[in-house]
Amino acid sequence: MLSPLTSLKQNSFLRRGLYGLLAAVMAVTIGLATPTPSQAGIFDLIFQGIRYVQLGNLSDQDEVNLGSQIDQQLKAQGVKVYNRNSSINAYINEVGQRLAANSDRPNIPYTFQVVEDDSINAFATAGGYVYIQSGLIKAASNEAELAGVMAHEIGHIGGRHAINQMRQTALASGVAGALEVSQDTLVNLGVQLALQLPNSREAEYDADRRGFNTLGRAGYDPRGFITFMQKLEGGSTAEFLSTHPNPGNRVSNLQRMNSEGLYPNNGVGTDANAYKNHIRGL
């Protein structure tokens, strides 16, 4: 039998433990808890059967998993991956992997996919997923131009722009606490951002800068990026410009970077005939 003093101590200990547990649950539920390494996983928070994602502490692997789920949802909503010519898919992947290896985030896996759509556009989501529409591939005059656009999209991944925009959109719309948002909501946000919402001007400048450096490090002639952007500026129907805000001086910024001479204008990737042979049948 316990003494009165021992019993009192145990009751006090239990009350403190219960209050501490309740406080911790409330803090996490309203999104105010400070994440710890054990909470960093994309599937670590589960409340009432709903999985939550901690945007404030997302690991590379968690981001790749999120990108995979967004990819599945994009396809479920009608994004059609081109599959009529495997050699074209292999070619786009070869160019993409060459760029990815020279990017700011070379240590995550990258997935490059051709979207069967004649409009001129490309986009990227979280976790290394890059989509190049067939219309853009046809609009490019050579591999350096194509690689310039792809490097730009890889630049968005390098800057984690999709994750940052998801966080800002979720917080602004009131669907997220300070740290977490439901997994399904986040996937839907990722789809919406990829297909409809434009990137910020700051994100575009950052992706241009990162893309230009990636292109140069990969050995391509950096002028390919410039000539393709000039081509887009001259056409008002390019869907790329509706999802990638163009304030009018992006080309001049790229020209300024090129004038610094960090990467040689070596002509690599500018053979138009070789490019036509690679995309023949698209």
C-alpha atoms as a PDB file:
ATOM      1  CA  MET A   1       0.000   0.000   0.000  1.00  0.00           C
ATOM      2  CA  LEU A   2       1.311   3.443  -0.956  1.00  0.00           C
ATOM      3  CA  SER A   3       1.873   6.136   1.644  1.00  0.00           C
ATOM      4  CA  PRO A   4      -0.234   9.353   1.362  1.00  0.00           C
ATOM      5  CA  LEU A   5       2.888  11.295   0.310  1.00  0.00           C
ATOM      6  CA  THR A   6       3.765   8.788  -2.399  1.00  0.00           C
ATOM      7  CA  SER A   7       0.160   8.763  -3.652  1.00  0.00           C
ATOM      8  CA  LEU A   8       0.083  12.563  -3.753  1.00  0.00           C
ATOM      9  CA  LYS A   9       3.319  12.667  -5.720  1.00  0.00           C
ATOM     10  CA  GLN A  10       2.045  10.103  -8.222  1.00  0.00           C
ATOM     11  CA  ASN A  11      -1.261  11.931  -8.706  1.00  0.00           C
ATOM     12  CA  SER A  12       0.611  15.186  -9.253  1.00  0.00           C
ATOM     13  CA  PHE A  13       2.919  13.481 -11.719  1.00  0.00           C
ATOM     14  CA  LEU A  14      -0.020  12.008 -13.653  1.00  0.00           C
ATOM     15  CA  ARG A  15      -1.796  15.364 -13.781  1.00  0.00           C
ATOM     16  CA  ARG A  16       1.306  17.075 -15.078  1.00  0.00           C
ATOM     17  CA  GLY A  17       1.797  14.334 -17.655  1.00  0.00           C
ATOM     18  CA  LEU A  18      -1.818  14.561 -18.807  1.00  0.00           C
ATOM     19  CA  TYR A  19      -1.726  18.345 -19.050  1.00  0.00           C
ATOM     20  CA  GLY A  20       1.538  18.183 -20.954  1.00  0.00           C
ATOM     21  CA  LEU A  21       0.112  15.648 -23.395  1.00  0.00           C
ATOM     22  CA  LEU A  22      -3.014  17.736 -23.989  1.00  0.00           C
ATOM     23  CA  ALA A  23      -0.949  20.873 -24.495  1.00  0.00           C
ATOM     24  CA  ALA A  24       1.289  19.133 -27.011  1.00  0.00           C
ATOM     25  CA  VAL A  25      -1.677  17.796 -28.985  1.00  0.00           C
ATOM     26  CA  MET A  26      -3.310  21.224 -29.084  1.00  0.00           C
ATOM     27  CA  ALA A  27      -0.089  22.916 -30.168  1.00  0.00           C
ATOM     28  CA  VAL A  28       0.466  20.536 -33.056  1.00  0.00           C
ATOM     29  CA  THR A  29      -3.191  20.615 -34.113  1.00  0.00           C
ATOM     30  CA  ILE A  30      -3.232  24.399 -34.524  1.00  0.00           C
ATOM     31  CA  GLY A  31       0.122  24.334 -36.245  1.00  0.00           C
ATOM     32  CA  LEU A  32       2.225  26.027 -33.594  1.00  0.00           C
ATOM     33  CA  ALA A  33       4.497  23.174 -32.539  1.00  0.00           C
ATOM     34  CA  THR A  34       8.161  23.424 -33.431  1.00  0.00           C
ATOM     35  CA  PRO A  35       9.056  20.540 -35.768  1.00  0.00           C
ATOM     36  CA  THR A  36      11.716  18.088 -34.676  1.00  0.00           C
ATOM     37  CA  PRO A  37      13.716  15.776 -36.933  1.00  0.00           C
ATOM     38  CA  SER A  38      11.344  12.914 -36.128  1.00  0.00           C
ATOM     39  CA  GLN A  39       8.408  15.041 -37.357  1.00  0.00           C
ATOM     40  CA  ALA A  40       9.993  15.957 -40.647  1.00  0.00           C
ATOM     41  CA  GLY A  41       8.513  13.076 -42.662  1.00  0.00           C
ATOM     42  CA  ILE A  42       5.748  13.784 -45.111  1.00  0.00           C
ATOM     43  CA  PHE A  43       3.486  11.185 -43.513  1.00  0.00           C
ATOM     44  CA  ASP A  44       4.421  11.706 -39.856  1.00  0.00           C
ATOM     45  CA  LEU A  45       1.376  13.749 -38.859  1.00  0.00           C
ATOM     46  CA  ILE A  46      -1.968  11.942 -38.950  1.00  0.00           C
ATOM     47  CA  PHE A  47      -5.091  13.347 -37.313  1.00  0.00           C
ATOM     48  CA  GLN A  48      -8.535  11.725 -37.624  1.00  0.00           C
ATOM     49  CA  GLY A  49      -7.351   9.686 -40.585  1.00  0.00           C
ATOM     50  CA  ILE A  50      -6.073  12.715 -42.513  1.00  0.00           C
ATOM     51  CA  ARG A  51      -2.410  12.860 -43.416  1.00  0.00           C
ATOM     52  CA  TYR A  52      -0.623  16.174 -42.953  1.00  0.00           C
ATOM     53  CA  VAL A  53       2.502  17.531 -44.604  1.00  0.00           C
ATOM     54  CA  GLN A  54       4.928  19.812 -42.796  1.00  0.00           C
ATOM     55  CA  LEU A  55       5.926  22.385 -45.372  1.00  0.00           C
ATOM     56  CA  GLY A  56       8.308  24.111 -43.014  1.00  0.00           C
ATOM     57  CA  ASN A  57      10.573  21.070 -42.697  1.00  0.00           C
ATOM     58  CA  LEU A  58      10.268  19.047 -45.889  1.00  0.00           C
ATOM     59  CA  SER A  59      13.141  16.707 -46.735  1.00  0.00           C
ATOM     60  CA  ASP A  60      14.266  16.035 -50.310  1.00  0.00           C
ATOM     61  CA  GLN A  61      12.728  12.558 -50.242  1.00  0.00           C
ATOM     62  CA  ASP A  62       9.445  13.930 -48.928  1.00  0.00           C
ATOM     63  CA  GLU A  63       9.404  16.473 -51.743  1.00  0.00           C
ATOM     64  CA  VAL A  64      10.025  13.729 -54.314  1.00  0.00           C
ATOM     65  CA  ASN A  65       7.139  11.720 -52.843  1.00  0.00           C
ATOM     66  CA  LEU A  66       4.911  14.776 -53.021  1.00  0.00           C
ATOM     67  CA  GLY A  67       5.927  15.392 -56.636  1.00  0.00           C
ATOM     68  CA  SER A  68       5.012  11.800 -57.481  1.00  0.00           C
ATOM     69  CA  GLN A  69       1.517  12.274 -56.057  1.00  0.00           C
ATOM     70  CA  ILE A  70       1.067  15.541 -57.955  1.00  0.00           C
ATOM     71  CA  ASP A  71       2.216  13.755 -61.112  1.00  0.00           C
ATOM     72  CA  GLN A  72      -0.422  11.056 -60.649  1.00  0.00           C
ATOM     73  CA  GLN A  73      -3.126  13.665 -60.105  1.00  0.00           C
ATOM     74  CA  LEU A  74      -2.052  15.677 -63.151  1.00  0.00           C
ATOM     75  CA  LYS A  75      -2.450  12.592 -65.316  1.00  0.00           C
ATOM     76  CA  ALA A  76      -5.802  11.782 -63.715  1.00  0.00           C
ATOM     77  CA  GLN A  77      -6.958  15.291 -64.646  1.00  0.00           C
ATOM     78  CA  GLY A  78      -6.045  14.933 -68.296  1.00  0.00           C
ATOM     79  CA  VAL A  79      -2.347  15.686 -68.746  1.00  0.00           C
ATOM     80  CA  LYS A  80      -1.467  13.224 -71.505  1.00  0.00           C
ATOM     81  CA  VAL A  81       2.079  11.931 -71.640  1.00  0.00           C
ATOM     82  CA  TYR A  82       3.410  11.399 -75.154  1.00  0.00           C
ATOM     83  CA  ASN A  83       4.114   7.721 -75.831  1.00  0.00           C
ATOM     84  CA  ARG A  84       3.993   7.279 -79.596  1.00  0.00           C
ATOM     85  CA  ASN A  85       7.763   7.365 -80.083  1.00  0.00           C
ATOM     86  CA  SER A  86       9.995   6.077 -77.310  1.00  0.00           C
ATOM     87  CA  SER A  87      13.139   7.514 -78.935  1.00  0.00           C
ATOM     88  CA  ILE A  88      11.818  11.064 -78.484  1.00  0.00           C
ATOM     89  CA  ASN A  89      11.099  10.432 -74.806  1.00  0.00           C
ATOM     90  CA  ALA A  90      14.582   8.983 -74.418  1.00  0.00           C
ATOM     91  CA  TYR A  91      16.091  12.030 -76.138  1.00  0.00           C
ATOM     92  CA  ILE A  92      14.269  14.504 -73.882  1.00  0.00           C
ATOM     93  CA  ASN A  93      15.309  12.505 -70.827  1.00  0.00           C
ATOM     94  CA  GLU A  94      18.932  12.450 -72.014  1.00  0.00           C
ATOM     95  CA  VAL A  95      19.000  16.251 -72.396  1.00  0.00           C
ATOM     96  CA  GLY A  96      17.223  16.681 -69.056  1.00  0.00           C
ATOM     97  CA  GLN A  97      19.541  14.410 -67.102  1.00  0.00           C
ATOM     98  CA  ARG A  98      22.587  16.173 -68.549  1.00  0.00           C
ATOM     99  CA  LEU A  99      21.180  19.459 -67.274  1.00  0.00           C
ATOM    100  CA  ALA A 100      20.051  18.054 -63.928  1.00  0.00           C
ATOM    101  CA  ALA A 101      23.551  16.764 -63.205  1.00  0.00           C
ATOM    102  CA  ASN A 102      24.798  20.351 -63.555  1.00  0.00           C
ATOM    103  CA  SER A 103      21.948  21.993 -61.647  1.00  0.00           C
ATOM    104  CA  ASP A 104      21.789  23.492 -58.172  1.00  0.00           C
ATOM    105  CA  ARG A 105      20.109  20.313 -56.879  1.00  0.00           C
ATOM    106  CA  PRO A 106      21.843  17.396 -58.608  1.00  0.00           C
ATOM    107  CA  ASN A 107      21.235  14.948 -55.753  1.00  0.00           C
ATOM    108  CA  ILE A 108      17.504  14.380 -56.259  1.00  0.00           C
ATOM    109  CA  PRO A 109      16.033  12.167 -59.002  1.00  0.00           C
ATOM    110  CA  TYR A 110      14.572  14.036 -61.977  1.00  0.00           C
ATOM    111  CA  THR A 111      11.682  12.866 -64.129  1.00  0.00           C
ATOM    112  CA  PHE A 112      11.312  14.453 -67.570  1.00  0.00           C
ATOM    113  CA  GLN A 113       8.112  13.848 -69.487  1.00  0.00           C
ATOM    114  CA  VAL A 114       6.800  14.961 -72.861  1.00  0.00           C
ATOM    115  CA  VAL A 115       3.204  16.178 -72.719  1.00  0.00           C
ATOM    116  CA  GLU A 116       1.162  15.647 -75.870  1.00  0.00           C
ATOM    117  CA  ASP A 117      -0.036  19.209 -76.366  1.00  0.00           C
ATOM    118  CA  ASP A 118       0.638  21.515 -79.323  1.00  0.00           C
ATOM    119  CA  SER A 119       0.716  24.684 -77.235  1.00  0.00           C
ATOM    120  CA  ILE A 120       4.118  26.145 -76.419  1.00  0.00           C
ATOM    121  CA  ASN A 121       4.647  25.544 -72.732  1.00  0.00           C
ATOM    122  CA  ALA A 122       6.675  23.752 -70.076  1.00  0.00           C
ATOM    123  CA  PHE A 123       6.280  23.500 -66.324  1.00  0.00           C
ATOM    124  CA  ALA A 124       7.780  21.887 -63.254  1.00  0.00           C
ATOM    125  CA  THR A 125       6.370  20.656 -59.969  1.00  0.00           C
ATOM    126  CA  ALA A 126       7.943  19.598 -56.705  1.00  0.00           C
ATOM    127  CA  GLY A 127      10.554  16.885 -56.382  1.00  0.00           C
ATOM    128  CA  GLY A 128      12.217  16.978 -59.795  1.00  0.00           C
ATOM    129  CA  TYR A 129       9.193  16.539 -62.085  1.00  0.00           C
ATOM    130  CA  VAL A 130       9.540  18.475 -65.352  1.00  0.00           C
ATOM    131  CA  TYR A 131       6.984  18.541 -68.184  1.00  0.00           C
ATOM    132  CA  ILE A 132       7.792  19.695 -71.738  1.00  0.00           C
ATOM    133  CA  GLN A 133       4.865  20.061 -74.115  1.00  0.00           C
ATOM    134  CA  SER A 134       5.279  18.746 -77.644  1.00  0.00           C
ATOM    135  CA  GLY A 135       4.434  22.174 -79.102  1.00  0.00           C
ATOM    136  CA  LEU A 136       7.434  23.697 -77.365  1.00  0.00           C
ATOM    137  CA  ILE A 137       9.751  20.954 -78.574  1.00  0.00           C
ATOM    138  CA  LYS A 138       8.624  21.680 -82.143  1.00  0.00           C
ATOM    139  CA  ALA A 139       8.993  25.448 -81.638  1.00  0.00           C
ATOM    140  CA  ALA A 140      12.645  25.152 -80.593  1.00  0.00           C
ATOM    141  CA  SER A 141      15.100  25.522 -83.467  1.00  0.00           C
ATOM    142  CA  ASN A 142      17.871  23.475 -81.908  1.00  0.00           C
ATOM    143  CA  GLU A 143      18.858  21.519 -78.816  1.00  0.00           C
ATOM    144  CA  ALA A 144      20.411  24.529 -77.094  1.00  0.00           C
ATOM    145  CA  GLU A 145      17.067  26.362 -77.233  1.00  0.00           C
ATOM    146  CA  LEU A 146      15.219  23.344 -75.873  1.00  0.00           C
ATOM    147  CA  ALA A 147      17.852  22.876 -73.171  1.00  0.00           C
ATOM    148  CA  GLY A 148      17.521  26.536 -72.191  1.00  0.00           C
ATOM    149  CA  VAL A 149      13.820  26.121 -71.435  1.00  0.00           C
ATOM    150  CA  MET A 150      14.403  22.839 -69.628  1.00  0.00           C
ATOM    151  CA  ALA A 151      17.198  24.418 -67.580  1.00  0.00           C
ATOM    152  CA  HIS A 152      14.797  27.214 -66.618  1.00  0.00           C
ATOM    153  CA  GLU A 153      12.257  24.677 -65.334  1.00  0.00           C
ATOM    154  CA  ILE A 154      14.998  22.843 -63.446  1.00  0.00           C
ATOM    155  CA  GLY A 155      15.852  26.237 -61.968  1.00  0.00           C
ATOM    156  CA  HIS A 156      12.381  26.393 -60.425  1.00  0.00           C
ATOM    157  CA  ILE A 157      13.109  23.075 -58.727  1.00  0.00           C
ATOM    158  CA  GLY A 158      16.516  24.301 -57.604  1.00  0.00           C
ATOM    159  CA  GLY A 159      14.874  27.288 -55.957  1.00  0.00           C
ATOM    160  CA  ARG A 160      12.063  25.169 -54.456  1.00  0.00           C
ATOM    161  CA  HIS A 161       9.632  27.654 -55.961  1.00  0.00           C
ATOM    162  CA  ALA A 162       6.707  25.214 -56.088  1.00  0.00           C
ATOM    163  CA  ILE A 163       7.022  24.390 -52.388  1.00  0.00           C
ATOM    164  CA  ASN A 164       7.298  28.068 -51.467  1.00  0.00           C
ATOM    165  CA  GLN A 165       4.283  28.966 -53.589  1.00  0.00           C
ATOM    166  CA  MET A 166       2.249  26.117 -52.113  1.00  0.00           C
ATOM    167  CA  ARG A 167       3.064  27.353 -48.617  1.00  0.00           C
ATOM    168  CA  GLN A 168       2.124  30.945 -49.448  1.00  0.00           C
ATOM    169  CA  THR A 169      -1.090  29.944 -51.208  1.00  0.00           C
ATOM    170  CA  ALA A 170      -2.137  27.575 -48.430  1.00  0.00           C
ATOM    171  CA  LEU A 171      -1.550  30.158 -45.729  1.00  0.00           C
ATOM    172  CA  ALA A 172      -3.244  32.956 -47.691  1.00  0.00           C
ATOM    173  CA  SER A 173      -6.329  30.833 -48.345  1.00  0.00           C
ATOM    174  CA  GLY A 174      -6.560  29.695 -44.740  1.00  0.00           C
ATOM    175  CA  VAL A 175      -6.256  25.973 -45.477  1.00  0.00           C
ATOM    176  CA  ALA A 176      -3.024  25.536 -43.530  1.00  0.00           C
ATOM    177  CA  GLY A 177      -1.699  26.180 -40.088  1.00  0.00           C
ATOM    178  CA  ALA A 178       1.721  27.662 -39.569  1.00  0.00           C
ATOM    179  CA  LEU A 179       3.475  24.398 -40.342  1.00  0.00           C
ATOM    180  CA  GLU A 180       1.233  21.802 -41.907  1.00  0.00           C
ATOM    181  CA  VAL A 181      -1.478  21.275 -44.505  1.00  0.00           C
ATOM    182  CA  SER A 182      -3.429  18.159 -45.361  1.00  0.00           C
ATOM    183  CA  GLN A 183      -1.755  15.967 -47.940  1.00  0.00           C
ATOM    184  CA  ASP A 184      -4.733  15.939 -50.325  1.00  0.00           C
ATOM    185  CA  THR A 185      -5.065  19.716 -50.172  1.00  0.00           C
ATOM    186  CA  LEU A 186      -1.378  20.137 -50.904  1.00  0.00           C
ATOM    187  CA  VAL A 187      -1.501  17.788 -53.892  1.00  0.00           C
ATOM    188  CA  ASN A 188      -4.473  19.715 -55.297  1.00  0.00           C
ATOM    189  CA  LEU A 189      -2.606  22.973 -54.764  1.00  0.00           C
ATOM    190  CA  GLY A 190       0.385  21.553 -56.608  1.00  0.00           C
ATOM    191  CA  VAL A 191      -1.797  20.619 -59.581  1.00  0.00           C
ATOM    192  CA  GLN A 192      -3.410  24.055 -59.635  1.00  0.00           C
ATOM    193  CA  LEU A 193      -0.068  25.825 -59.475  1.00  0.00           C
ATOM    194  CA  ALA A 194       1.367  23.687 -62.265  1.00  0.00           C
ATOM    195  CA  LEU A 195      -1.531  24.194 -64.676  1.00  0.00           C
ATOM    196  CA  GLN A 196      -3.055  27.571 -63.880  1.00  0.00           C
ATOM    197  CA  LEU A 197      -1.274  29.955 -61.542  1.00  0.00           C
ATOM    198  CA  PRO A 198       1.729  31.957 -62.791  1.00  0.00           C
ATOM    199  CA  ASN A 199       5.022  32.111 -60.989  1.00  0.00           C
ATOM    200  CA  SER A 200       6.045  35.338 -59.329  1.00  0.00           C
ATOM    201  CA  ARG A 201       8.372  37.760 -61.103  1.00  0.00           C
ATOM    202  CA  GLU A 202      11.054  37.021 -58.497  1.00  0.00           C
ATOM    203  CA  ALA A 203      10.754  33.273 -59.087  1.00  0.00           C
ATOM    204  CA  GLU A 204      11.075  33.782 -62.858  1.00  0.00           C
ATOM    205  CA  TYR A 205      14.213  35.879 -62.479  1.00  0.00           C
ATOM    206  CA  ASP A 206      15.680  33.297 -60.114  1.00  0.00           C
ATOM    207  CA  ALA A 207      14.826  30.401 -62.454  1.00  0.00           C
ATOM    208  CA  ASP A 208      16.352  32.313 -65.375  1.00  0.00           C
ATOM    209  CA  ARG A 209      19.576  32.877 -63.434  1.00  0.00           C
ATOM    210  CA  ARG A 210      19.767  29.290 -62.240  1.00  0.00           C
ATOM    211  CA  GLY A 211      18.824  27.968 -65.664  1.00  0.00           C
ATOM    212  CA  PHE A 212      21.437  30.077 -67.439  1.00  0.00           C
ATOM    213  CA  ASN A 213      24.164  28.759 -65.123  1.00  0.00           C
ATOM    214  CA  THR A 214      22.923  25.171 -65.450  1.00  0.00           C
ATOM    215  CA  LEU A 215      22.940  25.480 -69.239  1.00  0.00           C
ATOM    216  CA  GLY A 216      26.487  26.825 -69.237  1.00  0.00           C
ATOM    217  CA  ARG A 217      27.809  24.235 -66.789  1.00  0.00           C
ATOM    218  CA  ALA A 218      26.281  21.495 -68.962  1.00  0.00           C
ATOM    219  CA  GLY A 219      28.398  22.756 -71.872  1.00  0.00           C
ATOM    220  CA  TYR A 220      25.628  24.178 -74.061  1.00  0.00           C
ATOM    221  CA  ASP A 221      25.876  27.469 -75.899  1.00  0.00           C
ATOM    222  CA  PRO A 222      24.035  29.826 -73.513  1.00  0.00           C
ATOM    223  CA  ARG A 223      22.722  31.856 -76.439  1.00  0.00           C
ATOM    224  CA  GLY A 224      20.160  29.102 -77.012  1.00  0.00           C
ATOM    225  CA  PHE A 225      18.211  30.261 -73.960  1.00  0.00           C
ATOM    226  CA  ILE A 226      18.301  33.864 -75.201  1.00  0.00           C
ATOM    227  CA  THR A 227      17.163  33.127 -78.762  1.00  0.00           C
ATOM    228  CA  PHE A 228      14.234  31.020 -77.566  1.00  0.00           C
ATOM    229  CA  MET A 229      13.079  33.741 -75.160  1.00  0.00           C
ATOM    230  CA  GLN A 230      13.331  36.263 -77.999  1.00  0.00           C
ATOM    231  CA  LYS A 231      11.194  33.945 -80.092  1.00  0.00           C
ATOM    232  CA  LEU A 232       8.555  33.814 -77.341  1.00  0.00           C
ATOM    233  CA  GLU A 233       8.550  37.573 -76.929  1.00  0.00           C
ATOM    234  CA  GLY A 234       7.744  37.935 -80.597  1.00  0.00           C
ATOM    235  CA  GLY A 235       4.628  35.748 -80.361  1.00  0.00           C
ATOM    236  CA  SER A 236       1.507  36.614 -78.357  1.00  0.00           C
ATOM    237  CA  THR A 237      -0.005  33.120 -78.385  1.00  0.00           C
ATOM    238  CA  ALA A 238       2.663  31.267 -76.443  1.00  0.00           C
ATOM    239  CA  GLU A 239       1.059  29.661 -73.405  1.00  0.00           C
ATOM    240  CA  PHE A 240       4.484  29.738 -71.774  1.00  0.00           C
ATOM    241  CA  LEU A 241       4.120  33.488 -71.272  1.00  0.00           C
ATOM    242  CA  SER A 242       0.733  33.143 -69.554  1.00  0.00           C
ATOM    243  CA  THR A 243       2.165  30.901 -66.839  1.00  0.00           C
ATOM    244  CA  HIS A 244       5.612  32.514 -66.827  1.00  0.00           C
ATOM    245  CA  PRO A 245       5.168  36.282 -66.351  1.00  0.00           C
ATOM    246  CA  ASN A 246       7.418  38.208 -68.686  1.00  0.00           C
ATOM    247  CA  PRO A 247       8.008  41.792 -67.539  1.00  0.00           C
ATOM    248  CA  GLY A 248       9.857  42.584 -70.744  1.00  0.00           C
ATOM    249  CA  ASN A 249      13.448  42.667 -69.567  1.00  0.00           C
ATOM    250  CA  ARG A 250      14.174  38.981 -69.032  1.00  0.00           C
ATOM    251  CA  VAL A 251      15.940  38.791 -72.388  1.00  0.00           C
ATOM    252  CA  SER A 252      18.112  41.789 -71.508  1.00  0.00           C
ATOM    253  CA  ASN A 253      18.959  40.155 -68.171  1.00  0.00           C
ATOM    254  CA  LEU A 254      20.033  36.978 -69.973  1.00  0.00           C
ATOM    255  CA  GLN A 255      22.071  39.002 -72.463  1.00  0.00           C
ATOM    256  CA  ARG A 256      23.775  40.790 -69.590  1.00  0.00           C
ATOM    257  CA  MET A 257      24.685  37.457 -67.964  1.00  0.00           C
ATOM    258  CA  ASN A 258      26.022  36.185 -71.269  1.00  0.00           C
ATOM    259  CA  SER A 259      28.135  39.328 -71.760  1.00  0.00           C
ATOM    260  CA  GLU A 260      29.984  38.504 -68.543  1.00  0.00           C
ATOM    261  CA  GLY A 261      31.651  35.668 -70.460  1.00  0.00           C
ATOM    262  CA  LEU A 262      31.419  33.026 -67.761  1.00  0.00           C
ATOM    263  CA  TYR A 263      30.380  30.412 -70.346  1.00  0.00           C
ATOM    264  CA  PRO A 264      31.667  30.343 -73.932  1.00  0.00           C
ATOM    265  CA  ASN A 265      29.407  30.918 -76.927  1.00  0.00           C
ATOM    266  CA  ASN A 266      30.704  27.662 -78.332  1.00  0.00           C
ATOM    267  CA  GLY A 267      27.891  26.646 -80.669  1.00  0.00           C
ATOM    268  CA  VAL A 268      27.210  23.408 -78.753  1.00  0.00           C
ATOM    269  CA  GLY A 269      23.627  22.317 -79.329  1.00  0.00           C
ATOM    270  CA  THR A 270      22.932  24.756 -82.181  1.00  0.00           C
ATOM    271  CA  ASP A 271      22.905  22.264 -85.089  1.00  0.00           C
ATOM    272  CA  ALA A 272      19.362  22.613 -86.421  1.00  0.00           C
ATOM    273  CA  ASN A 273      19.521  19.550 -88.672  1.00  0.00           C
ATOM    274  CA  ALA A 274      20.727  17.288 -85.868  1.00  0.00           C
ATOM    275  CA  TYR A 275      17.860  18.544 -83.714  1.00  0.00           C
ATOM    276  CA  LYS A 276      15.269  17.873 -86.421  1.00  0.00           C
ATOM    277  CA  ASN A 277      16.546  14.319 -86.698  1.00  0.00           C
ATOM    278  CA  HIS A 278      16.185  13.814 -82.948  1.00  0.00           C
ATOM    279  CA  ILE A 279      12.551  14.967 -82.880  1.00  0.00           C
ATOM    280  CA  ARG A 280      11.520  13.491 -86.205  1.00  0.00           C
ATOM    281  CA  GLY A 281       8.024  12.020 -86.004  1.00  0.00           C
ATOM    282  CA  LEU A 282       6.854  14.146 -83.080  1.00  0.00           C
END
